[in-house]
Protein backbone atom coordinates (compact mmCIF):
# COMPACT_ATOMS: atom_id res chain seq x y z
CA UNK A 1 168.65 142.28 107.95
CA UNK A 2 171.13 140.82 105.49
CA UNK A 3 170.29 143.31 102.73
CA UNK A 4 170.59 146.23 105.14
CA UNK A 5 174.05 145.17 106.27
CA UNK A 6 175.20 144.73 102.67
CA UNK A 7 173.95 148.22 101.81
CA UNK A 8 175.63 149.67 104.89
CA UNK A 9 179.00 148.09 104.16
CA UNK A 10 178.66 149.02 100.49
CA UNK A 11 178.11 152.62 101.55
CA UNK A 12 181.16 152.53 103.80
CA UNK A 13 183.30 151.12 100.99
CA UNK A 14 182.03 153.79 98.58
CA UNK A 15 182.74 156.50 101.16
CA UNK A 16 186.31 155.29 101.65
CA UNK A 17 186.94 154.89 97.92
CA UNK A 18 185.67 158.42 97.26
CA UNK A 19 187.29 160.27 100.16
CA UNK A 20 190.85 158.93 99.94
CA UNK A 21 191.64 160.13 96.37
CA UNK A 22 189.99 163.51 96.93
CA UNK A 23 191.88 163.93 100.22
CA UNK A 24 195.16 163.30 98.36
CA UNK A 25 194.24 165.71 95.55
CA UNK A 26 193.35 168.50 97.97
CA UNK A 27 196.50 167.89 100.01
CA UNK A 28 198.76 167.93 96.94
CA UNK A 29 197.11 171.15 95.78
CA UNK A 30 197.95 172.77 99.12
CA UNK A 31 194.47 172.69 100.64
CA UNK A 32 193.25 170.89 103.73
CA UNK A 33 192.35 167.28 103.12
CA UNK A 34 189.27 167.78 105.27
CA UNK A 35 187.63 169.51 102.29
CA UNK A 36 187.07 166.03 100.85
CA UNK A 37 184.40 165.38 103.48
CA UNK A 38 182.40 168.37 102.23
CA UNK A 39 181.92 166.64 98.88
CA UNK A 40 179.15 164.51 100.39
CA UNK A 41 176.95 167.52 101.19
CA UNK A 42 174.70 168.43 98.26
CA UNK A 43 175.38 171.87 96.70
CA UNK A 44 178.31 172.39 99.07
CA UNK A 45 180.25 169.91 96.94
CA UNK A 46 179.88 172.20 93.91
CA UNK A 47 181.06 175.22 95.87
CA UNK A 48 184.12 173.32 97.13
CA UNK A 49 185.01 172.05 93.66
CA UNK A 50 184.70 175.53 92.14
CA UNK A 51 186.72 177.01 95.00
CA UNK A 52 189.54 174.53 94.50
CA UNK A 53 189.43 174.68 90.70
CA UNK A 54 189.58 178.46 90.38
CA UNK A 55 191.75 179.45 93.34
CA UNK A 56 195.50 179.91 93.29
CA UNK A 57 197.13 176.67 94.34
CA UNK A 58 199.87 177.00 96.89
CA UNK A 59 202.16 174.50 95.18
CA UNK A 60 203.07 173.85 91.59
CA UNK A 61 202.43 177.37 90.38
CA UNK A 62 203.82 178.32 87.01
CA UNK A 63 204.30 181.82 85.71
CA UNK A 64 202.67 182.92 82.50
CA UNK A 65 199.41 180.94 82.64
């Protein structure tokens, strides 16, 4: 039981440490922070990253590039 609880809390800590920075990145780029939760679904995470990487960001746009 002790190993299972350590794994569970380790998973929760990893989840929090992974979601918070991605939430901030998506929010600063002008997207919904809820997209960060999709990064834990296999193959969907790649689609989300490509969508964000190659779409026009709503803030911080520069002309000429």
